[in-house]
């Protein structure tokens, strides 16, 4: 029996990063022998075992045979005779097909993975196996974002052929979202979107976002010229923010697509127009509610936020009240303002410094007054007990709050 550390942990060793998710492959053994050594079997489709002490995963070496269109449609062949060369051929990319021999303290590279890592290239291992699994197209895009690597031309060509022939339609929404959420957790989520666009996957998975590149912008506000380029610049501003904020940034201008020609490129009302589209996207991909709800809030309110510096006190209080109803605490308000800040800076050139200064002053004003507003009650109004509680009462309360917080 021979055991190797495999996959991302070995790749991270080459990159001189701390390894995570230690996975092992075992050659020259059987499920029965693994169980006899105290390993706990957990795999249903194929034998995966947990180490009795470390609880790390150990998988038996195997070969795979495609049996259908879905990415799960494979027959697995396990045998003590499976060689490292055969096992590595089923791996997706060369950077993930390295093995570490702890006994001899050396990395085993059978596919040129070390050179590709050093050159920051993502390259498929085996053409036949790569095109059998449509999920590998999305994994290619995700690893481009995770590692900030470029795609080898021959690998990009395969991915483009796979999307063109409709292979991605065989992926379940749950599996698509899993890759998508993993990409949201990287610092280069913008690269995930751009790589998806280049290989054609974006048009299949998120056709609404794909259309943003065909949506013109006013160049005096957006020198980059179209909504897709603007969205990428916005995502780059939010590279270190939470996945929830990045998802909202991706969809904040989705209401601009299919804008009637008579209001192009002003995009009047795109904030409200985006709401049903966000609902549609989230329902189609089975996106968790926390992502959907925050994306809806940002899309609905980001234009009002940018107009806050010009609002009169009464209008500002009304806007603030709407936000207060939507956000449970100050942290959510801060996340909203971070999203708006990314939108403001996501321009094709250095945008008006004075305008940005006004917007961020309004942001501080919003957060400060948000905290104050929660403590302002109608009973605080002078002569509250004597006031007539009629249709004019709300107006009087709004005026009272405006004087207190503006």
Protein backbone atom coordinates (compact mmCIF):
# COMPACT_ATOMS: atom_id res chain seq x y z
CA UNK A 1 0.00 0.00 0.00
CA UNK A 2 1.27 3.47 -0.95
CA UNK A 3 -0.22 6.78 0.24
CA UNK A 4 0.21 10.21 -1.39
CA UNK A 5 -1.03 13.65 -0.38
CA UNK A 6 -2.81 15.02 -3.45
CA UNK A 7 -4.65 17.98 -4.93
CA UNK A 8 -4.81 21.54 -3.68
CA UNK A 9 -2.61 20.96 -0.66
CA UNK A 10 0.33 19.99 -2.89
CA UNK A 11 -0.39 22.92 -5.21
CA UNK A 12 -0.26 25.23 -2.20
CA UNK A 13 3.08 23.73 -1.20
CA UNK A 14 4.48 24.70 -4.62
CA UNK A 15 3.02 28.19 -4.19
CA UNK A 16 4.61 28.33 -0.73
CA UNK A 17 1.23 28.76 0.91
CA UNK A 18 -0.06 26.91 3.98
CA UNK A 19 -1.83 23.77 2.74
CA UNK A 20 -5.51 23.29 3.50
CA UNK A 21 -7.99 20.42 3.11
CA UNK A 22 -5.53 17.54 3.28
CA UNK A 23 -6.68 14.80 0.90
CA UNK A 24 -4.89 11.53 0.28
CA UNK A 25 -5.05 8.84 -2.40
CA UNK A 26 -4.16 5.25 -1.58
CA UNK A 27 -2.70 2.79 -4.10
CA UNK A 28 -2.38 -0.97 -3.90
CA UNK A 29 -5.14 -1.70 -1.41
CA UNK A 30 -8.81 -2.64 -1.06
CA UNK A 31 -11.78 -1.29 0.93
CA UNK A 32 -11.58 -4.32 3.18
CA UNK A 33 -7.93 -3.68 4.03
CA UNK A 34 -8.66 0.01 4.78
CA UNK A 35 -11.44 -0.97 7.18
CA UNK A 36 -9.18 -3.53 8.82
CA UNK A 37 -6.64 -0.76 9.49
CA UNK A 38 -9.27 1.27 11.37
CA UNK A 39 -10.31 3.70 8.63
CA UNK A 40 -14.00 4.69 8.60
CA UNK A 41 -15.74 4.43 5.23
CA UNK A 42 -17.93 7.47 4.38
CA UNK A 43 -18.14 7.50 0.56
CA UNK A 44 -21.35 6.27 -1.03
CA UNK A 45 -20.45 6.37 -4.73
CA UNK A 46 -16.85 5.35 -4.24
CA UNK A 47 -14.69 4.36 -1.28
CA UNK A 48 -13.56 7.35 0.78
CA UNK A 49 -12.26 6.74 4.28
CA UNK A 50 -11.56 8.91 7.31
CA UNK A 51 -8.30 8.43 9.18
CA UNK A 52 -9.02 7.07 12.67
CA UNK A 53 -7.01 9.85 14.37
CA UNK A 54 -6.69 12.87 12.05
CA UNK A 55 -10.09 12.44 10.29
CA UNK A 56 -8.42 13.42 7.01
CA UNK A 57 -9.94 11.92 3.86
CA UNK A 58 -8.29 8.96 2.11
CA UNK A 59 -9.67 7.88 -1.29
CA UNK A 60 -8.76 4.69 -3.12
CA UNK A 61 -7.06 5.16 -6.47
CA UNK A 62 -9.54 4.72 -9.30
CA UNK A 63 -10.36 5.04 -12.96
CA UNK A 64 -13.58 6.60 -14.28
CA UNK A 65 -15.91 5.74 -17.19
CA UNK A 66 -18.55 8.22 -18.37
CA UNK A 67 -22.09 6.78 -18.33
CA UNK A 68 -24.36 9.80 -19.02
CA UNK A 69 -24.65 13.56 -19.59
CA UNK A 70 -24.69 14.71 -15.96
CA UNK A 71 -21.46 15.52 -14.18
CA UNK A 72 -22.26 12.76 -11.69
CA UNK A 73 -22.77 10.11 -14.38
CA UNK A 74 -19.58 8.09 -13.95
CA UNK A 75 -18.72 4.49 -13.25
CA UNK A 76 -15.76 4.09 -10.95
CA UNK A 77 -13.25 1.26 -11.25
CA UNK A 78 -11.26 0.43 -8.12
CA UNK A 79 -8.41 -1.98 -8.15
CA UNK A 80 -5.10 -2.38 -6.31
CA UNK A 81 -3.59 -2.39 -9.81
CA UNK A 82 -4.53 1.24 -10.62
CA UNK A 83 -1.30 3.19 -11.16
CA UNK A 84 -0.52 6.82 -10.25
CA UNK A 85 -0.39 7.64 -13.98
CA UNK A 86 -3.94 6.29 -14.44
CA UNK A 87 -5.30 8.02 -11.35
CA UNK A 88 -3.82 11.39 -12.29
CA UNK A 89 -5.34 11.28 -15.78
CA UNK A 90 -8.83 11.68 -14.32
CA UNK A 91 -7.88 14.92 -12.53
CA UNK A 92 -9.12 18.22 -13.91
CA UNK A 93 -6.09 20.53 -14.11
CA UNK A 94 -2.36 20.02 -13.97
CA UNK A 95 -2.03 22.32 -10.96
CA UNK A 96 -4.33 19.96 -9.05
CA UNK A 97 -2.70 16.73 -10.27
CA UNK A 98 0.41 16.69 -8.10
CA UNK A 99 1.20 14.12 -5.43
CA UNK A 100 3.43 14.44 -2.39
CA UNK A 101 5.34 11.38 -1.27
CA UNK A 102 5.83 12.01 2.46
CA UNK A 103 7.96 8.90 2.88
CA UNK A 104 10.57 10.21 0.43
CA UNK A 105 9.75 13.92 0.99
CA UNK A 106 9.27 14.73 -2.67
CA UNK A 107 6.56 15.96 -5.03
CA UNK A 108 5.58 13.57 -7.81
CA UNK A 109 4.62 15.45 -11.00
CA UNK A 110 3.42 13.29 -13.88
CA UNK A 111 1.60 15.99 -15.89
CA UNK A 112 3.77 19.14 -15.86
CA UNK A 113 1.82 20.75 -13.03
CA UNK A 114 4.79 22.41 -11.35
CA UNK A 115 5.76 24.31 -14.50
CA UNK A 116 2.15 25.43 -15.03
CA UNK A 117 1.92 26.66 -11.44
CA UNK A 118 5.13 28.63 -11.80
CA UNK A 119 3.81 30.16 -15.02
CA UNK A 120 0.37 30.83 -13.45
CA UNK A 121 -1.46 28.71 -16.02
CA UNK A 122 -4.55 26.54 -15.68
CA UNK A 123 -4.30 23.64 -18.12
CA UNK A 124 -6.46 20.53 -18.38
CA UNK A 125 -4.83 17.14 -17.81
CA UNK A 126 -6.65 14.88 -20.24
CA UNK A 127 -8.86 16.08 -23.10
CA UNK A 128 -11.10 13.02 -23.14
CA UNK A 129 -11.81 13.20 -19.41
CA UNK A 130 -12.14 16.99 -19.35
CA UNK A 131 -14.92 17.15 -21.93
CA UNK A 132 -16.86 14.40 -20.15
CA UNK A 133 -17.69 16.62 -17.19
CA UNK A 134 -19.45 20.00 -17.78
CA UNK A 135 -18.76 21.04 -14.21
CA UNK A 136 -15.09 21.41 -15.11
CA UNK A 137 -15.93 24.51 -17.13
CA UNK A 138 -17.12 26.28 -14.01
CA UNK A 139 -14.24 24.88 -11.98
CA UNK A 140 -11.86 26.30 -14.57
CA UNK A 141 -13.41 29.73 -14.06
CA UNK A 142 -13.31 29.37 -10.29
CA UNK A 143 -9.66 28.36 -10.19
CA UNK A 144 -8.82 31.32 -12.42
CA UNK A 145 -10.36 33.51 -9.71
CA UNK A 146 -8.97 31.56 -6.76
CA UNK A 147 -5.37 31.46 -8.02
CA UNK A 148 -5.42 34.54 -10.29
CA UNK A 149 -4.09 32.32 -13.10
CA UNK A 150 -4.65 32.51 -16.85
CA UNK A 151 -6.31 29.76 -18.89
CA UNK A 152 -4.19 27.81 -21.37
CA UNK A 153 -5.50 28.47 -24.93
CA UNK A 154 -6.21 24.80 -25.62
CA UNK A 155 -8.16 24.51 -22.36
CA UNK A 156 -10.20 27.62 -23.12
CA UNK A 157 -10.99 26.20 -26.57
CA UNK A 158 -12.32 22.99 -25.02
CA UNK A 159 -14.46 24.96 -22.56
CA UNK A 160 -15.87 27.11 -25.37
CA UNK A 161 -16.75 24.00 -27.38
CA UNK A 162 -18.48 22.48 -24.35
CA UNK A 163 -20.62 25.56 -23.72
CA UNK A 164 -21.44 25.97 -27.39
CA UNK A 165 -22.80 22.42 -27.58
CA UNK A 166 -25.01 22.95 -24.52
CA UNK A 167 -23.22 20.68 -22.06
CA UNK A 168 -23.71 23.11 -19.16
CA UNK A 169 -27.46 22.58 -19.37
CA UNK A 170 -26.91 19.22 -17.69
CA UNK A 171 -25.67 20.86 -14.47
CA UNK A 172 -28.11 21.19 -11.58
CA UNK A 173 -28.81 24.65 -10.09
CA UNK A 174 -27.46 23.46 -6.75
CA UNK A 175 -24.10 22.44 -8.27
CA UNK A 176 -23.84 25.67 -10.25
CA UNK A 177 -24.49 27.73 -7.14
CA UNK A 178 -21.91 25.75 -5.16
CA UNK A 179 -19.18 26.73 -7.63
CA UNK A 180 -20.54 30.26 -7.80
CA UNK A 181 -20.48 30.70 -4.02
CA UNK A 182 -16.95 29.32 -3.84
CA UNK A 183 -15.89 31.93 -6.41
CA UNK A 184 -17.58 34.67 -4.37
CA UNK A 185 -15.19 33.77 -1.56
CA UNK A 186 -12.14 34.63 -3.68
CA UNK A 187 -10.51 38.04 -4.04
CA UNK A 188 -10.77 37.87 -7.83
CA UNK A 189 -14.47 37.21 -8.30
CA UNK A 190 -14.35 39.65 -11.22
CA UNK A 191 -12.01 37.20 -12.96
CA UNK A 192 -14.52 34.40 -12.44
CA UNK A 193 -17.14 36.46 -14.29
CA UNK A 194 -14.77 37.51 -17.08
CA UNK A 195 -13.56 33.93 -17.61
CA UNK A 196 -17.15 32.71 -17.71
CA UNK A 197 -17.89 35.35 -20.32
CA UNK A 198 -14.88 34.37 -22.43
CA UNK A 199 -15.75 30.69 -22.50
CA UNK A 200 -19.48 31.27 -23.02
CA UNK A 201 -20.61 29.95 -19.64
CA UNK A 202 -21.93 33.35 -18.51
CA UNK A 203 -24.43 33.46 -21.37
CA UNK A 204 -25.72 30.04 -20.33
CA UNK A 205 -25.72 30.39 -16.54
CA UNK A 206 -26.39 34.13 -16.12
CA UNK A 207 -27.73 35.48 -19.43
CA UNK A 208 -28.92 38.63 -17.66
CA UNK A 209 -25.38 39.51 -16.56
CA UNK A 210 -24.07 38.61 -20.02
CA UNK A 211 -26.40 41.26 -21.51
CA UNK A 212 -24.78 44.00 -19.42
CA UNK A 213 -21.94 44.20 -21.94
CA UNK A 214 -24.48 45.09 -24.63
CA UNK A 215 -25.99 47.83 -22.46
CA UNK A 216 -24.52 51.30 -23.16
CA UNK A 217 -23.85 53.86 -20.44
CA UNK A 218 -23.57 57.64 -20.44
CA UNK A 219 -19.86 58.23 -20.88
CA UNK A 220 -19.94 61.42 -18.78
CA UNK A 221 -20.88 59.20 -15.81
CA UNK A 222 -19.33 55.94 -17.00
CA UNK A 223 -16.30 56.43 -19.26
CA UNK A 224 -16.04 52.64 -19.54
CA UNK A 225 -19.04 52.83 -21.86
CA UNK A 226 -21.18 49.81 -20.95
CA UNK A 227 -22.79 48.28 -17.87
CA UNK A 228 -20.74 45.08 -18.02
CA UNK A 229 -17.42 46.89 -17.85
CA UNK A 230 -18.81 49.06 -15.04
CA UNK A 231 -19.89 45.96 -13.08
CA UNK A 232 -16.39 44.47 -13.35
CA UNK A 233 -14.84 47.71 -12.05
CA UNK A 234 -17.34 47.73 -9.18
CA UNK A 235 -16.45 44.13 -8.28
CA UNK A 236 -12.77 45.02 -8.26
CA UNK A 237 -13.49 47.78 -5.76
CA UNK A 238 -15.10 45.18 -3.51
CA UNK A 239 -12.42 42.50 -3.88
CA UNK A 240 -12.02 42.12 -0.09
CA UNK A 241 -15.69 42.37 0.89
CA UNK A 242 -18.03 39.58 1.91
CA UNK A 243 -19.59 37.17 -0.64
CA UNK A 244 -23.01 38.67 0.12
CA UNK A 245 -21.84 42.16 -0.89
CA UNK A 246 -20.08 40.88 -4.03
CA UNK A 247 -23.24 39.11 -5.15
CA UNK A 248 -25.20 42.32 -4.68
CA UNK A 249 -22.59 44.27 -6.64
CA UNK A 250 -22.82 41.81 -9.51
CA UNK A 251 -26.57 42.40 -9.84
CA UNK A 252 -26.96 46.02 -8.69
CA UNK A 253 -27.45 47.35 -12.25
CA UNK A 254 -29.23 44.34 -13.73
CA UNK A 255 -32.28 46.54 -14.27
CA UNK A 256 -30.41 48.34 -17.04
CA UNK A 257 -30.59 45.46 -19.48
CA UNK A 258 -33.22 45.67 -22.22
CA UNK A 259 -33.73 49.36 -21.46
CA UNK A 260 -36.18 50.95 -23.97
CA UNK A 261 -34.34 52.96 -26.60
CA UNK A 262 -36.18 56.18 -25.74
CA UNK A 263 -34.46 56.37 -22.32
CA UNK A 264 -31.05 55.03 -23.31
CA UNK A 265 -28.49 55.58 -21.97
CA UNK A 266 -30.06 57.28 -18.93
CA UNK A 267 -31.55 54.04 -17.57
CA UNK A 268 -34.34 55.81 -15.72
CA UNK A 269 -35.91 53.49 -13.15
CA UNK A 270 -33.32 50.75 -13.48
CA UNK A 271 -33.21 50.34 -9.69
CA UNK A 272 -36.83 49.16 -9.53
CA UNK A 273 -36.63 47.33 -12.87
CA UNK A 274 -33.84 45.15 -11.49
CA UNK A 275 -35.86 43.70 -8.63
CA UNK A 276 -37.91 41.08 -10.54
CA UNK A 277 -34.81 40.08 -12.50
CA UNK A 278 -32.88 39.46 -9.29
CA UNK A 279 -35.80 37.37 -8.04
CA UNK A 280 -35.75 35.36 -11.27
CA UNK A 281 -32.01 34.74 -11.10
CA UNK A 282 -32.12 33.69 -7.46
CA UNK A 283 -35.06 31.35 -8.01
CA UNK A 284 -33.38 29.76 -11.04
CA UNK A 285 -30.09 29.12 -9.24
CA UNK A 286 -31.67 28.41 -5.84
CA UNK A 287 -29.65 31.21 -4.26
CA UNK A 288 -29.90 31.39 -0.43
CA UNK A 289 -32.21 34.09 0.90
CA UNK A 290 -29.44 36.07 2.61
CA UNK A 291 -27.82 36.73 -0.78
CA UNK A 292 -31.12 37.43 -2.53
CA UNK A 293 -32.49 39.80 0.10
CA UNK A 294 -29.34 41.91 0.32
CA UNK A 295 -29.05 42.11 -3.47
CA UNK A 296 -32.64 43.36 -3.64
CA UNK A 297 -31.96 46.03 -1.02
CA UNK A 298 -28.86 47.30 -2.80
CA UNK A 299 -30.52 47.35 -6.22
CA UNK A 300 -33.59 49.14 -4.86
CA UNK A 301 -31.79 51.80 -2.81
CA UNK A 302 -28.37 52.46 -4.36
CA UNK A 303 -29.56 55.31 -6.58
CA UNK A 304 -31.34 57.00 -3.68
CA UNK A 305 -28.17 56.76 -1.67
CA UNK A 306 -26.16 58.48 -4.38
CA UNK A 307 -28.75 61.27 -4.41
CA UNK A 308 -28.66 61.72 -0.62
CA UNK A 309 -26.38 64.81 -0.70
CA UNK A 310 -29.04 66.70 -2.66
CA UNK A 311 -32.03 65.55 -0.58
CA UNK A 312 -33.98 68.03 1.50
CA UNK A 313 -34.27 67.16 5.17
CA UNK A 314 -37.80 65.76 4.91
CA UNK A 315 -36.95 63.57 1.91
CA UNK A 316 -33.76 62.40 3.58
CA UNK A 317 -35.68 61.37 6.70
CA UNK A 318 -38.14 59.41 4.56
CA UNK A 319 -35.26 57.65 2.82
CA UNK A 320 -33.59 56.95 6.15
CA UNK A 321 -36.83 55.53 7.50
CA UNK A 322 -37.08 53.15 4.56
CA UNK A 323 -33.54 51.95 5.19
CA UNK A 324 -34.21 51.54 8.89
CA UNK A 325 -37.15 49.30 8.08
CA UNK A 326 -34.90 47.12 5.93
CA UNK A 327 -31.79 46.79 8.08
CA UNK A 328 -31.76 45.02 11.42
CA UNK A 329 -28.59 46.64 12.73
CA UNK A 330 -25.77 49.03 11.98
CA UNK A 331 -23.62 46.31 10.42
CA UNK A 332 -26.16 45.77 7.66
CA UNK A 333 -26.24 49.51 7.05
CA UNK A 334 -22.44 49.55 6.82
CA UNK A 335 -22.54 46.69 4.29
CA UNK A 336 -25.06 48.63 2.22
CA UNK A 337 -22.88 51.72 2.25
CA UNK A 338 -19.82 49.66 1.30
CA UNK A 339 -21.72 48.41 -1.73
CA UNK A 340 -22.67 51.97 -2.67
CA UNK A 341 -19.08 53.10 -2.23
CA UNK A 342 -17.90 50.40 -4.65
CA UNK A 343 -20.53 51.51 -7.15
CA UNK A 344 -19.33 55.11 -6.86
CA UNK A 345 -15.67 54.25 -7.43
CA UNK A 346 -16.34 51.65 -10.12
CA UNK A 347 -15.77 53.99 -13.03
CA UNK A 348 -13.50 53.82 -16.06
CA UNK A 349 -11.45 56.80 -14.91
CA UNK A 350 -10.87 58.82 -11.75
CA UNK A 351 -14.34 60.14 -11.03
CA UNK A 352 -15.21 63.57 -9.61
CA UNK A 353 -13.47 63.76 -6.24
CA UNK A 354 -15.92 66.35 -4.93
CA UNK A 355 -18.90 64.14 -5.72
CA UNK A 356 -17.33 61.15 -4.03
CA UNK A 357 -16.58 63.29 -0.99
CA UNK A 358 -20.24 64.33 -0.84
CA UNK A 359 -21.43 60.75 -1.17
CA UNK A 360 -19.19 59.49 1.61
CA UNK A 361 -20.16 62.40 3.84
CA UNK A 362 -23.74 61.34 3.25
CA UNK A 363 -22.74 57.77 4.14
CA UNK A 364 -21.40 58.85 7.49
CA UNK A 365 -24.49 60.96 7.98
CA UNK A 366 -26.71 57.96 7.18
CA UNK A 367 -24.95 55.68 9.64
CA UNK A 368 -24.86 58.26 12.43
CA UNK A 369 -28.50 59.16 11.97
CA UNK A 370 -29.53 55.54 11.57
CA UNK A 371 -28.37 54.94 15.12
CA UNK A 372 -30.10 58.09 16.38
CA UNK A 373 -33.33 57.40 14.52
CA UNK A 374 -33.88 54.06 16.22
CA UNK A 375 -34.23 55.91 19.54
CA UNK A 376 -36.61 58.62 18.31
CA UNK A 377 -40.16 57.82 19.31
CA UNK A 378 -43.42 59.63 18.75
CA UNK A 379 -43.86 59.99 22.50
CA UNK A 380 -40.78 62.23 22.48
CA UNK A 381 -42.72 64.90 20.62
CA UNK A 382 -43.62 68.00 22.65
CA UNK A 383 -47.18 67.77 24.01
CA UNK A 384 -47.54 64.26 22.60
CA UNK A 385 -50.59 63.51 24.76
CA UNK A 386 -52.41 66.56 23.46
CA UNK A 387 -51.67 66.01 19.76
CA UNK A 388 -54.53 64.86 17.58
CA UNK A 389 -53.76 61.41 16.19
CA UNK A 390 -55.26 62.08 12.76
CA UNK A 391 -53.94 61.95 9.20
CA UNK A 392 -51.61 64.88 9.87
CA UNK A 393 -49.90 63.16 12.82
CA UNK A 394 -47.40 61.25 10.72
CA UNK A 395 -46.37 64.42 8.92
CA UNK A 396 -45.82 66.16 12.23
CA UNK A 397 -43.74 63.23 13.48
CA UNK A 398 -41.60 63.26 10.32
CA UNK A 399 -40.96 67.00 10.76
CA UNK A 400 -40.03 66.40 14.40
CA UNK A 401 -37.55 63.67 13.42
CA UNK A 402 -36.11 65.83 10.67
CA UNK A 403 -35.25 68.54 13.17
CA UNK A 404 -33.70 66.02 15.52
CA UNK A 405 -31.44 64.20 13.04
CA UNK A 406 -30.69 66.65 10.20
